Protein backbone atom coordinates (compact mmCIF):
# COMPACT_ATOMS: atom_id res chain seq x y z
CA MET A 1 0.14 0.15 0.11
CA THR A 2 1.15 3.51 -0.59
CA SER A 3 2.11 6.15 1.90
CA ILE A 4 -0.81 8.22 0.45
CA GLU A 5 -3.19 5.30 0.84
CA GLU A 6 -1.94 4.72 4.44
CA LYS A 7 -2.39 8.49 5.42
CA ALA A 8 -5.70 8.48 4.17
CA GLY A 9 -6.54 5.07 6.07
CA ASP A 10 -4.89 6.66 9.09
CA ALA A 11 -6.98 9.83 8.76
CA PHE A 12 -10.11 7.84 8.35
CA ALA A 13 -9.55 5.72 11.58
CA GLU A 14 -8.54 8.62 13.51
CA ALA A 15 -11.69 10.44 12.53
CA VAL A 16 -13.94 7.39 13.57
CA VAL A 17 -11.76 7.49 16.96
CA ALA A 18 -12.50 11.08 17.46
CA SER A 19 -16.10 10.92 16.91
CA GLY A 20 -16.49 9.31 20.02
CA PRO A 21 -19.16 6.66 21.48
CA GLY A 22 -22.30 9.05 21.56
CA PRO A 23 -24.86 9.00 18.99
CA GLY A 24 -26.32 11.84 17.05
CA ARG A 25 -23.63 13.36 15.07
CA GLN A 26 -25.53 12.48 12.38
CA ARG A 27 -28.96 13.74 11.37
CA TRP A 28 -30.20 10.22 11.58
CA TRP A 29 -33.91 11.65 11.50
CA LEU A 30 -32.99 12.54 8.04
CA GLU A 31 -30.60 9.55 7.13
CA ILE A 32 -32.92 6.85 7.83
CA PRO A 33 -35.65 8.36 5.66
CA LEU A 34 -33.03 8.57 2.73
CA ALA A 35 -32.65 4.74 3.15
CA ILE A 36 -36.00 4.12 3.23
CA ALA A 37 -36.61 5.93 0.15
CA PHE A 38 -34.21 3.59 -1.74
CA TYR A 39 -35.95 0.55 -0.62
CA ALA A 40 -39.23 2.35 -1.89
CA ALA A 41 -37.45 2.89 -5.21
CA TYR A 42 -36.23 -0.85 -5.37
CA ALA A 43 -39.97 -1.79 -4.72
CA GLN A 44 -41.09 0.54 -7.54
CA ILE A 45 -38.61 -1.09 -10.28
CA ARG A 46 -39.88 -4.79 -8.81
CA ASP A 47 -43.32 -3.83 -9.66
CA TRP A 48 -42.39 -2.76 -13.08
CA HIS A 49 -40.95 -6.17 -13.56
CA GLY A 50 -43.77 -7.84 -11.88
CA SER A 51 -43.85 -11.43 -10.46
CA ALA A 52 -42.01 -14.45 -12.25
CA THR A 53 -45.30 -15.30 -13.92
CA VAL A 54 -45.87 -12.13 -15.97
CA HIS A 55 -45.46 -13.15 -19.40
CA ALA A 56 -43.76 -9.88 -20.89
CA ALA A 57 -41.34 -9.45 -18.20
CA ARG A 58 -40.44 -13.14 -18.28
CA VAL A 59 -39.56 -13.09 -21.97
CA THR A 60 -37.54 -10.25 -21.67
CA ALA A 61 -35.58 -11.22 -18.51
CA ARG A 62 -35.05 -14.66 -20.11
CA HIS A 63 -33.48 -13.11 -23.28
CA HIS A 64 -31.16 -11.14 -21.36
CA GLY A 65 -30.45 -14.24 -19.30
CA PHE A 66 -29.33 -16.17 -22.31
CA ASP A 67 -26.98 -12.97 -23.44
CA VAL A 68 -25.44 -13.18 -19.92
CA LEU A 69 -24.81 -16.83 -20.47
CA ARG A 70 -23.43 -16.29 -24.37
CA LEU A 71 -20.94 -14.22 -23.07
CA GLU A 72 -19.72 -16.33 -20.12
CA ARG A 73 -19.43 -19.31 -22.52
CA TRP A 74 -17.18 -16.92 -24.82
CA LEU A 75 -15.29 -16.31 -21.64
CA HIS A 76 -15.27 -19.50 -20.51
CA ILE A 77 -16.56 -18.81 -16.99
CA ASP A 78 -19.96 -20.48 -17.20
CA TRP A 79 -19.19 -22.27 -13.72
CA GLU A 80 -22.87 -22.29 -12.19
CA LYS A 81 -23.63 -25.93 -12.99
CA GLY A 82 -20.32 -27.00 -11.88
CA ALA A 83 -20.20 -25.18 -8.71
CA GLN A 84 -23.60 -26.81 -7.58
CA ALA A 85 -22.38 -30.21 -8.98
CA VAL A 86 -19.35 -29.71 -6.39
CA PHE A 87 -21.35 -28.70 -3.40
CA VAL A 88 -24.90 -29.88 -3.61
CA PRO A 89 -24.55 -33.68 -3.68
CA ASN A 90 -21.33 -33.66 -1.38
CA VAL A 91 -21.77 -31.04 1.43
CA ARG A 92 -25.48 -30.49 1.73
CA PRO A 93 -25.24 -29.17 5.46
CA LEU A 94 -23.00 -26.43 4.06
CA VAL A 95 -25.54 -25.80 1.18
CA VAL A 96 -28.17 -25.23 3.71
CA ALA A 97 -25.61 -22.80 5.97
CA MET A 98 -25.47 -20.92 2.25
CA ASN A 99 -28.93 -20.55 2.08
CA VAL A 100 -29.41 -19.09 5.47
CA PHE A 101 -26.36 -16.86 4.85
CA TYR A 102 -28.01 -15.75 1.56
CA GLY A 103 -31.31 -14.89 3.09
CA THR A 104 -29.83 -13.29 6.19
CA ALA A 105 -26.65 -11.66 5.70
CA HIS A 106 -27.14 -9.41 2.68
CA PHE A 107 -29.36 -7.20 4.83
CA ILE A 108 -28.18 -7.79 8.51
CA VAL A 109 -24.59 -7.24 7.95
CA THR A 110 -25.20 -4.45 5.80
CA VAL A 111 -27.58 -2.50 8.07
CA GLY A 112 -25.64 -3.61 10.88
CA VAL A 113 -22.45 -1.54 9.29
CA PHE A 114 -24.81 1.33 8.25
CA LEU A 115 -25.85 1.98 11.60
CA TRP A 116 -22.39 1.58 13.12
CA LEU A 117 -21.32 4.40 10.66
CA LEU A 118 -24.44 6.64 11.38
CA PHE A 119 -24.05 6.61 15.15
CA ARG A 120 -20.42 5.86 15.77
CA ALA A 121 -18.43 7.62 12.73
CA ALA A 122 -17.17 11.02 12.27
CA PRO A 123 -19.92 13.05 9.75
CA ALA A 124 -17.26 13.21 6.98
CA VAL A 125 -16.68 9.40 7.16
CA TYR A 126 -20.26 8.76 7.28
CA ARG A 127 -20.90 10.60 4.43
CA HIS A 128 -18.31 9.09 2.06
CA ALA A 129 -19.45 5.67 2.90
CA ARG A 130 -23.14 6.34 2.76
CA ASN A 131 -22.38 8.06 -0.56
CA VAL A 132 -20.49 5.09 -1.90
CA LEU A 133 -23.57 2.58 -0.89
CA CYS A 134 -26.21 5.01 -2.28
CA LEU A 135 -24.37 5.52 -5.51
CA GLY A 136 -23.89 1.68 -5.95
CA THR A 137 -27.13 0.77 -4.97
CA ALA A 138 -28.86 3.56 -7.53
CA ILE A 139 -26.36 2.20 -10.17
CA GLY A 140 -27.82 -1.17 -9.62
CA LEU A 141 -31.59 -0.06 -9.62
CA VAL A 142 -30.89 1.68 -13.14
CA PHE A 143 -29.81 -1.64 -14.42
CA PHE A 144 -32.55 -3.55 -12.92
CA ALA A 145 -35.22 -1.23 -14.71
CA LEU A 146 -33.37 -0.91 -17.96
CA TYR A 147 -31.88 -4.57 -18.22
CA PRO A 148 -33.94 -7.10 -16.12
CA THR A 149 -32.14 -10.75 -16.36
CA MET A 150 -33.37 -14.00 -15.41
CA PRO A 151 -30.93 -15.79 -13.18
CA PRO A 152 -29.83 -19.22 -13.77
CA ARG A 153 -32.38 -20.79 -11.26
CA LEU A 154 -35.58 -19.28 -13.41
CA MET A 155 -33.97 -20.34 -16.61
CA PRO A 156 -35.27 -23.17 -19.06
CA GLY A 157 -34.52 -26.83 -18.56
CA GLY A 158 -31.25 -27.91 -19.69
CA ILE A 159 -29.59 -24.50 -18.53
CA LYS A 160 -31.57 -24.01 -15.51
CA THR A 161 -29.75 -24.62 -11.99
CA GLN A 162 -31.07 -25.64 -8.66
CA ASP A 163 -32.98 -23.29 -6.38
CA THR A 164 -31.26 -24.59 -3.38
CA MET A 165 -33.56 -22.63 -1.27
CA ASP A 166 -36.35 -24.71 -2.44
CA THR A 167 -34.56 -28.07 -3.18
CA VAL A 168 -32.27 -28.36 -0.29
CA GLY A 169 -33.71 -26.12 2.23
CA GLY A 170 -33.02 -23.10 4.81
CA LEU A 171 -34.93 -20.52 6.64
CA TRP A 172 -36.33 -18.62 3.18
CA SER A 173 -37.61 -19.85 -0.08
CA TYR A 174 -38.51 -17.48 -3.08
CA ASN A 175 -41.65 -19.68 -3.29
CA HIS A 176 -43.24 -18.54 -0.13
CA GLY A 177 -42.92 -16.17 2.87
CA VAL A 178 -41.39 -13.02 3.07
CA LEU A 179 -38.56 -13.42 0.52
CA GLU A 180 -40.96 -13.99 -2.29
CA HIS A 181 -42.61 -10.57 -1.93
CA ILE A 182 -39.47 -8.51 -1.20
CA SER A 183 -37.28 -10.09 -3.72
CA ASP A 184 -37.13 -8.96 -7.40
CA PRO A 185 -37.00 -12.08 -9.75
CA TYR A 186 -35.25 -10.38 -12.30
CA ALA A 187 -32.55 -8.38 -10.48
CA ALA A 188 -29.55 -10.59 -11.50
CA MET A 189 -26.98 -8.00 -13.50
CA PRO A 190 -25.31 -6.88 -11.64
CA SER A 191 -25.23 -8.63 -8.32
CA LEU A 192 -26.32 -6.14 -5.49
CA HIS A 193 -25.14 -8.73 -3.16
CA ILE A 194 -21.57 -8.06 -4.36
CA VAL A 195 -22.19 -4.03 -4.54
CA TRP A 196 -23.15 -4.22 -0.65
CA ALA A 197 -20.76 -6.91 0.36
CA SER A 198 -17.78 -5.12 -1.16
CA TRP A 199 -18.87 -1.99 0.59
CA VAL A 200 -18.90 -3.86 3.93
CA ALA A 201 -15.38 -4.81 3.34
CA TYR A 202 -14.40 -1.44 2.26
CA VAL A 203 -15.72 0.28 5.31
CA LEU A 204 -13.60 -2.33 7.58
CA TRP A 205 -10.63 -1.66 5.40
CA LEU A 206 -10.53 1.84 5.91
CA ALA A 207 -11.65 1.67 9.48
CA LEU A 208 -8.82 -1.05 10.27
CA SER A 209 -6.36 0.79 8.59
CA ARG A 210 -4.38 1.77 11.42
CA ARG A 211 -0.90 0.18 12.32
CA GLY A 212 -1.16 -3.20 13.77
CA ALA A 213 -4.44 -3.90 11.94
CA MET A 214 -3.09 -4.49 8.68
CA ARG A 215 -3.55 -8.14 8.56
CA ALA A 216 -6.90 -8.00 10.17
CA ARG A 217 -8.23 -5.46 7.43
CA TRP A 218 -7.56 -8.01 4.58
CA LEU A 219 -9.88 -10.52 6.23
CA GLY A 220 -12.79 -8.25 5.35
CA TRP A 221 -12.44 -8.79 1.70
CA LEU A 222 -13.34 -12.67 2.46
CA TYR A 223 -17.01 -11.50 2.71
CA PRO A 224 -17.76 -10.56 -0.48
CA LEU A 225 -15.63 -13.61 -2.11
CA VAL A 226 -17.88 -15.78 0.31
CA THR A 227 -20.75 -13.87 -0.88
CA GLY A 228 -19.86 -14.68 -4.40
CA LEU A 229 -19.79 -18.07 -3.99
CA VAL A 230 -23.02 -18.34 -1.99
CA VAL A 231 -24.99 -16.47 -4.84
CA VAL A 232 -23.67 -18.73 -7.39
CA VAL A 233 -24.12 -22.04 -5.60
CA THR A 234 -27.73 -21.21 -4.56
CA GLY A 235 -28.52 -20.47 -8.28
CA THR A 236 -29.42 -16.86 -7.77
CA HIS A 237 -26.73 -14.95 -9.92
CA TRP A 238 -24.49 -15.68 -12.84
CA VAL A 239 -20.67 -15.70 -12.42
CA LEU A 240 -20.81 -12.52 -14.73
CA ASP A 241 -23.26 -10.82 -12.43
CA LEU A 242 -20.55 -10.79 -9.74
CA ALA A 243 -18.19 -9.18 -12.22
CA GLY A 244 -20.97 -6.71 -12.82
CA GLY A 245 -21.16 -6.05 -9.03
CA ALA A 246 -17.58 -5.51 -8.75
CA VAL A 247 -17.52 -3.06 -11.54
CA VAL A 248 -20.48 -0.85 -9.93
CA PHE A 249 -18.85 -0.91 -6.70
CA VAL A 250 -15.62 0.59 -8.21
CA LEU A 251 -17.72 3.19 -10.06
CA ALA A 252 -19.50 3.99 -7.02
CA VAL A 253 -16.21 4.44 -4.88
CA ALA A 254 -14.94 6.49 -7.79
CA ALA A 255 -17.99 8.83 -7.90
CA ALA A 256 -18.25 9.38 -4.06
CA LYS A 257 -14.42 10.27 -3.84
CA ALA A 258 -15.11 12.74 -6.69
CA LEU A 259 -18.12 14.22 -4.93
CA ASP A 260 -15.83 14.53 -1.77
CA ARG A 261 -13.59 16.74 -3.76
CA VAL A 262 -16.26 18.83 -4.93
CA THR A 263 -17.59 19.37 -1.50
CA ALA A 264 -14.30 20.23 -0.14
CA ARG A 265 -13.65 22.72 -2.57
CA ARG A 266 -16.92 24.42 -2.13
CA ARG A 267 -16.22 24.44 1.38
CA ALA A 268 -12.82 26.25 0.85
CA ALA A 269 -14.52 28.60 -1.27
CA ARG A 270 -16.83 29.57 1.50
CA ILE A 271 -14.23 30.19 3.95
CA ARG A 272 -12.02 32.31 1.69
């Protein structure tokens, strides 16, 4: 890591420590409604697609699913069935754990880190991390609206992979319960799971940047790697979706940093 990155990381960590344990440093009464508004936007886009039984939505999403598969085959990364062949028949208890992980960690871990930032981090630190999360989510929502993509678990026979939450079991299922009503069946490309998991790792990477935590900060990046394996084995994402999610995350970080620079220049101009 370069000296510039080390200084930036130390500054982040010092800002977190300097914020102290007390809540209220952010205007949480404004920030929480903003988060709710993002969910409302997601729900609206989900309603545009309709359920998995709507013919027009299903045909478009299936066409895009075939596009993704063709590109994967050209790149030789169509590993979805191979991944299930390794895990499902041989380590079913681990697949059950993956199903539970899929249905819980995506929201619980992300919300937990967000709340930690909201109530514990310095305002500037919180704003940067919030902007990365919001921008990444917004980019993903645009893709879901413009390019609905059928995941492997819903593709036609011969291509279709197992929906392990249904065939193997866990806490949730797409066919009934809460997950059936809150999930968009065609929000595959890019993987928002990877965007959010990468965001969690990014926050930990910055927060653990002080000397003595250099090794520990790398462990956070295991989270998006595990998430990527889980969403492929469970049949909920194509391998290419993971790459799409990684690209979206990088774009969100770059955009958030650019926004930080613009904000800093404006504040400096006011001081003058």
